[in-house]
Amino acid sequence: MSELIFFNPFFKQVLWGGSKMRDFYGYSIPGDHTGEAWVISANPHGASIVRGGTYDGQSLTSLWENHRELFGGMKGKEFPLLVKIIDANDHLSIQVHPDDRYASLHENGSQGKTECWYILDCDDDADIVIGHHAKSREELEEMIAAEQWDSLLRKLPIHKGDFFYIPAGTVHAIRKGTLLLEVQQNSDTTYRLYDYGRLQDGKPRQLHLKESMDVIACPHVSLNTRGAEEDHGDYRLCNLAEGPYFTVTRWNVKTHASISHNHPFMLIHVTSGTGTLNDCPVAAGDHILVPAGFGTLHCQGAMELITTHI
């Protein structure tokens, strides 16, 4: 297959969303509270749709079900990844996700959710929550019961270009003033631990305290998966994460680069700039499936690419 497959996102309006995706990427968003663009999704809660080419108008779900050759004949009921752009115009809830074992037992056989974040842009004083300060499960339970959130939560300052790996079981929250790219397992299972007492349609949103306590890792252990930046002259390369669920790499292309592709599939996210991939024009905001057997990708231009494969 020698054709790159482009997708249009599925958008979600949410309580904490904003309008940065229109401003940064020119997306036709549904409103000024657009918090999520599911840019590569075969999730039943929202699928991305092919833009142009042989499969124009088809969903990624349809490609996975009917054209498994595009994915190297991979096995599995569901496409394994879900990629989003998230625009936090306000704090998201404090949350945690289950691992595969817990989700399989308690969420109708679904996958767990390990994810990672690449910061596309953020306010000067922006921060995020990753992890907690409790030293034991007993202390964790006591601090949650007493709502000692300022003491419990581990807040980290963020800057454009930062990367964070968030295994299942990690307490986390994206906070106000952050635009990021999220790569995750294909799961929409979220346990909400705290939501700042906000109301939606006049009612507090549901919390999941028991499930959260079941899955929170304690004590928190920080993980840094990011490798060293490699300068190859015409481009810079940085391996951001490599694990059982996904491998994520950043390419800062100055003039040109060649990307080997021998995986069942590869995803490419153009986060800034313009150029070509094998003579096909691409620009910031494009999200692309490179099918099995495509061969080497020849990049020309000045652009930042995030590639993902399993």
C-alpha atoms as a PDB file:
ATOM      1  CA  MET A   1       0.000   0.000   0.000  1.00  0.00           C
ATOM      2  CA  SER A   2       1.642   3.252  -1.131  1.00  0.00           C
ATOM      3  CA  GLU A   3      -0.997   5.724   0.028  1.00  0.00           C
ATOM      4  CA  LEU A   4      -0.876   7.846   3.162  1.00  0.00           C
ATOM      5  CA  ILE A   5      -4.276   7.935   4.897  1.00  0.00           C
ATOM      6  CA  PHE A   6      -5.330  11.284   6.410  1.00  0.00           C
ATOM      7  CA  PHE A   7      -8.049  11.646   9.063  1.00  0.00           C
ATOM      8  CA  ASN A   8     -10.497  14.293  10.214  1.00  0.00           C
ATOM      9  CA  PRO A   9     -10.904  14.379  14.002  1.00  0.00           C
ATOM     10  CA  PHE A  10     -13.958  13.601  16.105  1.00  0.00           C
ATOM     11  CA  PHE A  11     -14.548  16.591  18.429  1.00  0.00           C
ATOM     12  CA  LYS A  12     -15.959  16.649  21.958  1.00  0.00           C
ATOM     13  CA  GLN A  13     -17.376  19.685  23.731  1.00  0.00           C
ATOM     14  CA  VAL A  14     -16.777  19.535  27.480  1.00  0.00           C
ATOM     15  CA  LEU A  15     -17.116  21.676  30.582  1.00  0.00           C
ATOM     16  CA  TRP A  16     -13.418  22.626  30.647  1.00  0.00           C
ATOM     17  CA  GLY A  17     -12.747  22.977  26.878  1.00  0.00           C
ATOM     18  CA  GLY A  18     -11.697  26.010  24.847  1.00  0.00           C
ATOM     19  CA  SER A  19     -11.025  27.200  21.282  1.00  0.00           C
ATOM     20  CA  LYS A  20      -7.261  26.767  20.852  1.00  0.00           C
ATOM     21  CA  MET A  21      -7.620  23.965  18.322  1.00  0.00           C
ATOM     22  CA  ARG A  22      -9.262  26.416  15.927  1.00  0.00           C
ATOM     23  CA  ASP A  23      -6.598  29.026  16.613  1.00  0.00           C
ATOM     24  CA  PHE A  24      -3.589  26.683  16.377  1.00  0.00           C
ATOM     25  CA  TYR A  25      -4.629  24.218  13.689  1.00  0.00           C
ATOM     26  CA  GLY A  26      -7.541  25.835  11.869  1.00  0.00           C
ATOM     27  CA  TYR A  27      -9.944  23.056  12.819  1.00  0.00           C
ATOM     28  CA  SER A  28     -13.646  23.682  12.313  1.00  0.00           C
ATOM     29  CA  ILE A  29     -14.547  23.033  15.942  1.00  0.00           C
ATOM     30  CA  PRO A  30     -18.166  22.747  17.100  1.00  0.00           C
ATOM     31  CA  GLY A  31     -17.925  25.513  19.721  1.00  0.00           C
ATOM     32  CA  ASP A  32     -15.785  27.429  22.193  1.00  0.00           C
ATOM     33  CA  HIS A  33     -15.802  24.587  24.745  1.00  0.00           C
ATOM     34  CA  THR A  34     -14.091  22.041  22.505  1.00  0.00           C
ATOM     35  CA  GLY A  35     -11.837  20.120  24.862  1.00  0.00           C
ATOM     36  CA  GLU A  36     -10.929  17.054  22.822  1.00  0.00           C
ATOM     37  CA  ALA A  37     -10.174  16.167  19.220  1.00  0.00           C
ATOM     38  CA  TRP A  38      -9.938  12.402  18.777  1.00  0.00           C
ATOM     39  CA  VAL A  39      -7.531  12.617  15.859  1.00  0.00           C
ATOM     40  CA  ILE A  40      -6.838   8.891  15.479  1.00  0.00           C
ATOM     41  CA  SER A  41      -9.751   6.941  16.900  1.00  0.00           C
ATOM     42  CA  ALA A  42     -11.617   3.720  16.323  1.00  0.00           C
ATOM     43  CA  ASN A  43     -13.283   4.022  19.713  1.00  0.00           C
ATOM     44  CA  PRO A  44     -17.045   3.348  19.821  1.00  0.00           C
ATOM     45  CA  HIS A  45     -17.548   6.717  21.559  1.00  0.00           C
ATOM     46  CA  GLY A  46     -16.177   8.581  18.538  1.00  0.00           C
ATOM     47  CA  ALA A  47     -14.304   7.547  15.388  1.00  0.00           C
ATOM     48  CA  SER A  48     -12.053   9.617  13.147  1.00  0.00           C
ATOM     49  CA  ILE A  49     -12.963   9.735   9.446  1.00  0.00           C
ATOM     50  CA  VAL A  50     -10.678   9.393   6.414  1.00  0.00           C
ATOM     51  CA  ARG A  51     -10.147  12.613   4.456  1.00  0.00           C
ATOM     52  CA  GLY A  52      -9.583  12.061   0.743  1.00  0.00           C
ATOM     53  CA  GLY A  53      -7.978   9.188  -1.114  1.00  0.00           C
ATOM     54  CA  THR A  54      -9.136   5.625  -1.671  1.00  0.00           C
ATOM     55  CA  TYR A  55     -10.985   5.342   1.636  1.00  0.00           C
ATOM     56  CA  ASP A  56     -12.505   8.837   1.743  1.00  0.00           C
ATOM     57  CA  GLY A  57     -15.402   9.096   4.224  1.00  0.00           C
ATOM     58  CA  GLN A  58     -14.752   5.761   5.911  1.00  0.00           C
ATOM     59  CA  SER A  59     -14.061   5.534   9.628  1.00  0.00           C
ATOM     60  CA  LEU A  60     -10.905   4.103  11.153  1.00  0.00           C
ATOM     61  CA  THR A  61     -13.201   1.520  12.739  1.00  0.00           C
ATOM     62  CA  SER A  62     -14.313   0.412   9.273  1.00  0.00           C
ATOM     63  CA  LEU A  63     -10.733   0.171   8.027  1.00  0.00           C
ATOM     64  CA  TRP A  64      -9.769  -1.948  11.030  1.00  0.00           C
ATOM     65  CA  GLU A  65     -12.748  -4.259  10.542  1.00  0.00           C
ATOM     66  CA  ASN A  66     -12.615  -4.594   6.736  1.00  0.00           C
ATOM     67  CA  HIS A  67      -9.053  -3.834   5.623  1.00  0.00           C
ATOM     68  CA  ARG A  68      -6.815  -5.526   8.158  1.00  0.00           C
ATOM     69  CA  GLU A  69      -4.117  -5.699   5.464  1.00  0.00           C
ATOM     70  CA  LEU A  70      -3.505  -1.980   6.104  1.00  0.00           C
ATOM     71  CA  PHE A  71      -2.364  -2.977   9.599  1.00  0.00           C
ATOM     72  CA  GLY A  72      -0.148  -5.881   8.584  1.00  0.00           C
ATOM     73  CA  GLY A  73      -2.831  -8.435   9.402  1.00  0.00           C
ATOM     74  CA  MET A  74      -2.703  -7.581  13.114  1.00  0.00           C
ATOM     75  CA  LYS A  75      -4.925  -9.606  15.403  1.00  0.00           C
ATOM     76  CA  GLY A  76      -7.316  -8.150  17.944  1.00  0.00           C
ATOM     77  CA  LYS A  77     -10.912  -7.061  18.181  1.00  0.00           C
ATOM     78  CA  GLU A  78     -10.116  -3.342  18.508  1.00  0.00           C
ATOM     79  CA  PHE A  79      -7.592  -0.945  17.043  1.00  0.00           C
ATOM     80  CA  PRO A  80      -5.065  -0.670  19.889  1.00  0.00           C
ATOM     81  CA  LEU A  81      -4.463   3.101  20.145  1.00  0.00           C
ATOM     82  CA  LEU A  82      -6.399   6.316  20.655  1.00  0.00           C
ATOM     83  CA  VAL A  83      -4.740   9.683  19.978  1.00  0.00           C
ATOM     84  CA  LYS A  84      -6.211  13.009  21.083  1.00  0.00           C
ATOM     85  CA  ILE A  85      -5.462  16.704  21.159  1.00  0.00           C
ATOM     86  CA  ILE A  86      -6.687  18.163  24.441  1.00  0.00           C
ATOM     87  CA  ASP A  87      -7.359  21.857  25.086  1.00  0.00           C
ATOM     88  CA  ALA A  88      -7.724  22.580  28.791  1.00  0.00           C
ATOM     89  CA  ASN A  89      -9.277  26.029  29.235  1.00  0.00           C
ATOM     90  CA  ASP A  90      -9.922  25.024  32.856  1.00  0.00           C
ATOM     91  CA  HIS A  91      -8.644  22.305  35.197  1.00  0.00           C
ATOM     92  CA  LEU A  92      -9.662  18.752  34.340  1.00  0.00           C
ATOM     93  CA  SER A  93     -10.801  16.496  37.153  1.00  0.00           C
ATOM     94  CA  ILE A  94      -8.263  14.583  39.245  1.00  0.00           C
ATOM     95  CA  GLN A  95      -8.438  11.064  37.839  1.00  0.00           C
ATOM     96  CA  VAL A  96      -6.833   7.660  37.505  1.00  0.00           C
ATOM     97  CA  HIS A  97      -7.167   4.801  35.012  1.00  0.00           C
ATOM     98  CA  PRO A  98      -7.200   1.038  35.591  1.00  0.00           C
ATOM     99  CA  ASP A  99      -4.705  -1.429  34.161  1.00  0.00           C
ATOM    100  CA  ASP A 100      -5.687  -4.190  31.744  1.00  0.00           C
ATOM    101  CA  ARG A 101      -6.388  -6.750  34.446  1.00  0.00           C
ATOM    102  CA  TYR A 102      -8.699  -4.526  36.507  1.00  0.00           C
ATOM    103  CA  ALA A 103     -10.501  -3.148  33.443  1.00  0.00           C
ATOM    104  CA  SER A 104     -11.059  -6.644  32.076  1.00  0.00           C
ATOM    105  CA  LEU A 105     -12.649  -7.758  35.340  1.00  0.00           C
ATOM    106  CA  HIS A 106     -14.668  -4.640  36.168  1.00  0.00           C
ATOM    107  CA  GLU A 107     -15.282  -2.806  32.851  1.00  0.00           C
ATOM    108  CA  ASN A 108     -16.868  -5.491  30.656  1.00  0.00           C
ATOM    109  CA  GLY A 109     -13.589  -6.832  29.339  1.00  0.00           C
ATOM    110  CA  SER A 110     -12.232  -3.485  28.142  1.00  0.00           C
ATOM    111  CA  GLN A 111      -8.560  -2.497  28.011  1.00  0.00           C
ATOM    112  CA  GLY A 112      -6.844  -0.526  30.698  1.00  0.00           C
ATOM    113  CA  LYS A 113      -5.398   2.884  29.978  1.00  0.00           C
ATOM    114  CA  THR A 114      -1.740   3.787  29.969  1.00  0.00           C
ATOM    115  CA  GLU A 115      -1.142   7.122  28.259  1.00  0.00           C
ATOM    116  CA  CYS A 116       1.413   9.835  27.591  1.00  0.00           C
ATOM    117  CA  TRP A 117       1.322  13.595  27.046  1.00  0.00           C
ATOM    118  CA  TYR A 118       3.339  15.837  24.721  1.00  0.00           C
ATOM    119  CA  ILE A 119       2.898  19.526  25.558  1.00  0.00           C
ATOM    120  CA  LEU A 120       2.052  21.446  22.376  1.00  0.00           C
ATOM    121  CA  ASP A 121       1.601  24.810  24.081  1.00  0.00           C
ATOM    122  CA  CYS A 122       0.870  26.154  27.557  1.00  0.00           C
ATOM    123  CA  ASP A 123       0.570  29.318  29.598  1.00  0.00           C
ATOM    124  CA  ASP A 124       3.746  30.614  31.260  1.00  0.00           C
ATOM    125  CA  ASP A 125       2.581  29.520  34.717  1.00  0.00           C
ATOM    126  CA  ALA A 126       0.876  26.260  33.697  1.00  0.00           C
ATOM    127  CA  ASP A 127       1.291  23.048  35.642  1.00  0.00           C
ATOM    128  CA  ILE A 128      -0.086  19.510  35.715  1.00  0.00           C
ATOM    129  CA  VAL A 129      -0.797  16.855  38.313  1.00  0.00           C
ATOM    130  CA  ILE A 130       1.108  13.589  38.072  1.00  0.00           C
ATOM    131  CA  GLY A 131       1.225  11.385  41.149  1.00  0.00           C
ATOM    132  CA  HIS A 132       0.709  11.991  44.858  1.00  0.00           C
ATOM    133  CA  HIS A 133       2.715  12.413  48.079  1.00  0.00           C
ATOM    134  CA  ALA A 134       1.104   9.716  50.237  1.00  0.00           C
ATOM    135  CA  LYS A 135       3.669   7.261  51.592  1.00  0.00           C
ATOM    136  CA  SER A 136       1.232   4.427  52.278  1.00  0.00           C
ATOM    137  CA  ARG A 137      -2.222   3.327  51.231  1.00  0.00           C
ATOM    138  CA  GLU A 138      -3.520   4.199  54.717  1.00  0.00           C
ATOM    139  CA  GLU A 139      -2.186   7.735  54.416  1.00  0.00           C
ATOM    140  CA  LEU A 140      -3.654   7.968  50.901  1.00  0.00           C
ATOM    141  CA  GLU A 141      -7.104   6.970  52.179  1.00  0.00           C
ATOM    142  CA  GLU A 142      -6.898   9.420  55.089  1.00  0.00           C
ATOM    143  CA  MET A 143      -5.851  12.368  52.896  1.00  0.00           C
ATOM    144  CA  ILE A 144      -8.578  11.659  50.346  1.00  0.00           C
ATOM    145  CA  ALA A 145     -11.230  11.298  53.067  1.00  0.00           C
ATOM    146  CA  ALA A 146     -10.100  14.646  54.551  1.00  0.00           C
ATOM    147  CA  GLU A 147      -9.965  16.230  51.075  1.00  0.00           C
ATOM    148  CA  GLN A 148      -6.369  17.364  51.626  1.00  0.00           C
ATOM    149  CA  TRP A 149      -5.854  17.842  47.909  1.00  0.00           C
ATOM    150  CA  ASP A 150      -3.192  20.560  48.099  1.00  0.00           C
ATOM    151  CA  SER A 151      -1.019  18.367  50.299  1.00  0.00           C
ATOM    152  CA  LEU A 152      -1.756  15.132  48.460  1.00  0.00           C
ATOM    153  CA  LEU A 153      -1.353  16.010  44.797  1.00  0.00           C
ATOM    154  CA  ARG A 154       2.021  16.237  43.078  1.00  0.00           C
ATOM    155  CA  LYS A 155       2.023  19.308  40.809  1.00  0.00           C
ATOM    156  CA  LEU A 156       4.701  19.886  38.179  1.00  0.00           C
ATOM    157  CA  PRO A 157       5.404  23.037  36.131  1.00  0.00           C
ATOM    158  CA  ILE A 158       5.251  22.451  32.372  1.00  0.00           C
ATOM    159  CA  HIS A 159       6.713  24.008  29.223  1.00  0.00           C
ATOM    160  CA  LYS A 160       6.155  23.570  25.513  1.00  0.00           C
ATOM    161  CA  GLY A 161       7.889  20.392  24.328  1.00  0.00           C
ATOM    162  CA  ASP A 162       7.713  18.563  27.669  1.00  0.00           C
ATOM    163  CA  PHE A 163       6.730  14.897  27.663  1.00  0.00           C
ATOM    164  CA  PHE A 164       5.154  12.781  30.411  1.00  0.00           C
ATOM    165  CA  TYR A 165       4.543   9.018  30.537  1.00  0.00           C
ATOM    166  CA  ILE A 166       1.527   8.077  32.682  1.00  0.00           C
ATOM    167  CA  PRO A 167       1.086   4.365  33.430  1.00  0.00           C
ATOM    168  CA  ALA A 168      -2.281   3.009  34.534  1.00  0.00           C
ATOM    169  CA  GLY A 169      -2.726   3.577  38.266  1.00  0.00           C
ATOM    170  CA  THR A 170      -1.147   7.064  38.217  1.00  0.00           C
ATOM    171  CA  VAL A 171      -3.167   9.934  39.707  1.00  0.00           C
ATOM    172  CA  HIS A 172      -3.103  12.737  37.144  1.00  0.00           C
ATOM    173  CA  ALA A 173      -4.837  15.820  35.766  1.00  0.00           C
ATOM    174  CA  ILE A 174      -4.310  18.233  32.920  1.00  0.00           C
ATOM    175  CA  ARG A 175      -4.717  21.766  34.223  1.00  0.00           C
ATOM    176  CA  LYS A 176      -5.790  25.132  32.904  1.00  0.00           C
ATOM    177  CA  GLY A 177      -3.860  26.728  30.044  1.00  0.00           C
ATOM    178  CA  THR A 178      -2.546  23.521  28.452  1.00  0.00           C
ATOM    179  CA  LEU A 179      -2.745  22.209  24.885  1.00  0.00           C
ATOM    180  CA  LEU A 180      -1.325  18.722  24.454  1.00  0.00           C
ATOM    181  CA  LEU A 181      -1.165  15.614  22.300  1.00  0.00           C
ATOM    182  CA  GLU A 182      -2.173  12.443  24.129  1.00  0.00           C
ATOM    183  CA  VAL A 183      -1.305   8.922  22.966  1.00  0.00           C
ATOM    184  CA  GLN A 184      -3.057   6.166  24.887  1.00  0.00           C
ATOM    185  CA  GLN A 185      -4.441   2.688  24.839  1.00  0.00           C
ATOM    186  CA  ASN A 186      -7.820   2.543  23.118  1.00  0.00           C
ATOM    187  CA  SER A 187      -9.891   2.934  26.257  1.00  0.00           C
ATOM    188  CA  ASP A 188     -12.293   5.565  27.561  1.00  0.00           C
ATOM    189  CA  THR A 189     -12.375   4.241  31.146  1.00  0.00           C
ATOM    190  CA  THR A 190     -11.716   7.049  33.623  1.00  0.00           C
ATOM    191  CA  TYR A 191     -12.158   7.051  37.392  1.00  0.00           C
ATOM    192  CA  ARG A 192     -12.768  10.558  38.716  1.00  0.00           C
ATOM    193  CA  LEU A 193     -11.264  11.172  42.148  1.00  0.00           C
ATOM    194  CA  TYR A 194     -12.011  14.894  42.606  1.00  0.00           C
ATOM    195  CA  ASP A 195     -13.704  17.553  40.465  1.00  0.00           C
ATOM    196  CA  TYR A 196     -13.338  20.850  42.374  1.00  0.00           C
ATOM    197  CA  GLY A 197     -17.028  20.726  43.321  1.00  0.00           C
ATOM    198  CA  ARG A 198     -18.081  21.779  39.810  1.00  0.00           C
ATOM    199  CA  LEU A 199     -21.612  21.382  38.512  1.00  0.00           C
ATOM    200  CA  GLN A 200     -22.706  20.132  35.105  1.00  0.00           C
ATOM    201  CA  ASP A 201     -26.362  20.660  34.229  1.00  0.00           C
ATOM    202  CA  GLY A 202     -26.843  21.739  37.850  1.00  0.00           C
ATOM    203  CA  LYS A 203     -25.411  18.539  39.331  1.00  0.00           C
ATOM    204  CA  PRO A 204     -21.961  17.414  40.475  1.00  0.00           C
ATOM    205  CA  ARG A 205     -20.264  15.021  38.084  1.00  0.00           C
ATOM    206  CA  GLN A 206     -19.994  11.440  39.273  1.00  0.00           C
ATOM    207  CA  LEU A 207     -16.965  10.467  41.356  1.00  0.00           C
ATOM    208  CA  HIS A 208     -15.497   6.947  41.466  1.00  0.00           C
ATOM    209  CA  LEU A 209     -13.824   6.803  44.868  1.00  0.00           C
ATOM    210  CA  LYS A 210     -13.922   3.035  45.387  1.00  0.00           C
ATOM    211  CA  GLU A 211     -12.612   2.242  41.926  1.00  0.00           C
ATOM    212  CA  SER A 212      -9.930   4.930  42.259  1.00  0.00           C
ATOM    213  CA  MET A 213      -8.727   3.504  45.568  1.00  0.00           C
ATOM    214  CA  ASP A 214      -8.650   0.037  44.019  1.00  0.00           C
ATOM    215  CA  VAL A 215      -6.262   1.057  41.233  1.00  0.00           C
ATOM    216  CA  ILE A 216      -4.096   3.947  42.506  1.00  0.00           C
ATOM    217  CA  ALA A 217      -0.429   2.969  42.692  1.00  0.00           C
ATOM    218  CA  CYS A 218       0.963   3.705  46.159  1.00  0.00           C
ATOM    219  CA  PRO A 219       3.517   5.044  46.778  1.00  0.00           C
ATOM    220  CA  HIS A 220       3.861   6.989  43.545  1.00  0.00           C
ATOM    221  CA  VAL A 221       6.991   6.195  41.495  1.00  0.00           C
ATOM    222  CA  SER A 222       8.107   8.730  38.871  1.00  0.00           C
ATOM    223  CA  LEU A 223       9.012   7.414  35.431  1.00  0.00           C
ATOM    224  CA  ASN A 224      11.110   9.282  32.875  1.00  0.00           C
ATOM    225  CA  THR A 225      11.054   7.461  29.532  1.00  0.00           C
ATOM    226  CA  ARG A 226      12.487  10.270  27.425  1.00  0.00           C
ATOM    227  CA  GLY A 227      15.795   9.568  25.717  1.00  0.00           C
ATOM    228  CA  ALA A 228      18.555  11.976  24.729  1.00  0.00           C
ATOM    229  CA  GLU A 229      18.091  14.370  21.824  1.00  0.00           C
ATOM    230  CA  GLU A 230      20.052  13.208  18.775  1.00  0.00           C
ATOM    231  CA  ASP A 231      21.224  15.874  16.311  1.00  0.00           C
ATOM    232  CA  HIS A 232      21.606  14.496  12.773  1.00  0.00           C
ATOM    233  CA  GLY A 233      22.190  17.843  11.092  1.00  0.00           C
ATOM    234  CA  ASP A 234      19.136  17.975   8.831  1.00  0.00           C
ATOM    235  CA  TYR A 235      16.878  16.787  11.643  1.00  0.00           C
ATOM    236  CA  ARG A 236      16.823  16.121  15.378  1.00  0.00           C
ATOM    237  CA  LEU A 237      15.390  12.934  16.862  1.00  0.00           C
ATOM    238  CA  CYS A 238      14.176  12.136  20.378  1.00  0.00           C
ATOM    239  CA  ASN A 239      12.687   8.845  21.569  1.00  0.00           C
ATOM    240  CA  LEU A 240       9.976   9.905  24.006  1.00  0.00           C
ATOM    241  CA  ALA A 241       8.611   6.516  25.082  1.00  0.00           C
ATOM    242  CA  GLU A 242       9.104   2.867  24.200  1.00  0.00           C
ATOM    243  CA  GLY A 243       6.965   0.237  25.892  1.00  0.00           C
ATOM    244  CA  PRO A 244       4.450  -2.573  25.508  1.00  0.00           C
ATOM    245  CA  TYR A 245       1.588  -0.294  24.431  1.00  0.00           C
ATOM    246  CA  PHE A 246       3.248   2.281  22.163  1.00  0.00           C
ATOM    247  CA  THR A 247       6.531   3.784  21.001  1.00  0.00           C
ATOM    248  CA  VAL A 248       6.519   7.571  20.554  1.00  0.00           C
ATOM    249  CA  THR A 249       9.246   9.571  18.785  1.00  0.00           C
ATOM    250  CA  ARG A 250       9.677  13.273  18.041  1.00  0.00           C
ATOM    251  CA  TRP A 251      11.265  14.389  14.774  1.00  0.00           C
ATOM    252  CA  ASN A 252      12.312  18.019  14.367  1.00  0.00           C
ATOM    253  CA  VAL A 253      12.907  18.203  10.628  1.00  0.00           C
ATOM    254  CA  LYS A 254      15.030  21.186   9.556  1.00  0.00           C
ATOM    255  CA  THR A 255      15.314  20.328   5.853  1.00  0.00           C
ATOM    256  CA  HIS A 256      14.827  16.596   5.292  1.00  0.00           C
ATOM    257  CA  ALA A 257      14.778  13.215   7.058  1.00  0.00           C
ATOM    258  CA  SER A 258      14.074   9.580   6.230  1.00  0.00           C
ATOM    259  CA  ILE A 259      11.885   7.535   8.587  1.00  0.00           C
ATOM    260  CA  SER A 260      12.066   3.755   8.343  1.00  0.00           C
ATOM    261  CA  HIS A 261       8.730   1.984   8.576  1.00  0.00           C
ATOM    262  CA  ASN A 262       8.657  -1.761   9.140  1.00  0.00           C
ATOM    263  CA  HIS A 263       5.817  -1.871  11.661  1.00  0.00           C
ATOM    264  CA  PRO A 264       2.230  -3.129  11.246  1.00  0.00           C
ATOM    265  CA  PHE A 265       1.298   0.564  10.974  1.00  0.00           C
ATOM    266  CA  MET A 266       2.652   3.964  11.944  1.00  0.00           C
ATOM    267  CA  LEU A 267       0.837   7.129  12.982  1.00  0.00           C
ATOM    268  CA  ILE A 268       2.245  10.564  12.146  1.00  0.00           C
ATOM    269  CA  HIS A 269       1.093  13.774  13.813  1.00  0.00           C
ATOM    270  CA  VAL A 270       2.282  17.049  12.282  1.00  0.00           C
ATOM    271  CA  THR A 271       2.438  19.301  15.334  1.00  0.00           C
ATOM    272  CA  SER A 272       3.987  22.347  13.626  1.00  0.00           C
ATOM    273  CA  GLY A 273       5.343  23.531  10.307  1.00  0.00           C
ATOM    274  CA  THR A 274       4.781  22.398   6.723  1.00  0.00           C
ATOM    275  CA  GLY A 275       6.436  20.101   4.228  1.00  0.00           C
ATOM    276  CA  THR A 276       5.961  16.895   2.296  1.00  0.00           C
ATOM    277  CA  LEU A 277       5.946  13.191   3.074  1.00  0.00           C
ATOM    278  CA  ASN A 278       6.953  11.265  -0.060  1.00  0.00           C
ATOM    279  CA  ASP A 279       5.921  14.333  -2.093  1.00  0.00           C
ATOM    280  CA  CYS A 280       2.495  14.504  -0.381  1.00  0.00           C
ATOM    281  CA  PRO A 281       1.894  17.976   1.161  1.00  0.00           C
ATOM    282  CA  VAL A 282       1.379  18.029   4.945  1.00  0.00           C
ATOM    283  CA  ALA A 283       0.863  20.798   7.471  1.00  0.00           C
ATOM    284  CA  ALA A 284       0.395  21.365  11.190  1.00  0.00           C
ATOM    285  CA  GLY A 285      -2.774  19.639  12.368  1.00  0.00           C
ATOM    286  CA  ASP A 286      -2.550  16.685   9.965  1.00  0.00           C
ATOM    287  CA  HIS A 287      -2.864  13.178  11.399  1.00  0.00           C
ATOM    288  CA  ILE A 288      -1.850  10.316   9.178  1.00  0.00           C
ATOM    289  CA  LEU A 289      -1.917   6.529   9.121  1.00  0.00           C
ATOM    290  CA  VAL A 290       1.047   4.989   7.323  1.00  0.00           C
ATOM    291  CA  PRO A 291      -0.125   1.486   6.391  1.00  0.00           C
ATOM    292  CA  ALA A 292       1.866  -1.744   6.469  1.00  0.00           C
ATOM    293  CA  GLY A 293       4.334  -2.185   3.628  1.00  0.00           C
ATOM    294  CA  PHE A 294       4.578   1.523   2.828  1.00  0.00           C
ATOM    295  CA  GLY A 295       8.359   1.544   3.118  1.00  0.00           C
ATOM    296  CA  THR A 296      10.603   4.473   3.993  1.00  0.00           C
ATOM    297  CA  LEU A 297       9.084   7.903   4.529  1.00  0.00           C
ATOM    298  CA  HIS A 298      10.998  10.769   2.950  1.00  0.00           C
ATOM    299  CA  CYS A 299      10.287  14.048   4.771  1.00  0.00           C
ATOM    300  CA  GLN A 300      11.033  17.453   3.240  1.00  0.00           C
ATOM    301  CA  GLY A 301      10.404  20.830   4.856  1.00  0.00           C
ATOM    302  CA  ALA A 302      10.596  22.480   8.256  1.00  0.00           C
ATOM    303  CA  MET A 303       8.220  20.739  10.648  1.00  0.00           C
ATOM    304  CA  GLU A 304       7.835  18.822  13.873  1.00  0.00           C
ATOM    305  CA  LEU A 305       6.445  15.289  13.653  1.00  0.00           C
ATOM    306  CA  ILE A 306       5.368  12.908  16.402  1.00  0.00           C
ATOM    307  CA  THR A 307       5.386   9.290  15.240  1.00  0.00           C
ATOM    308  CA  THR A 308       3.694   6.418  17.047  1.00  0.00           C
ATOM    309  CA  HIS A 309       3.776   2.668  16.498  1.00  0.00           C
ATOM    310  CA  ILE A 310       3.411  -0.503  18.532  1.00  0.00           C
END
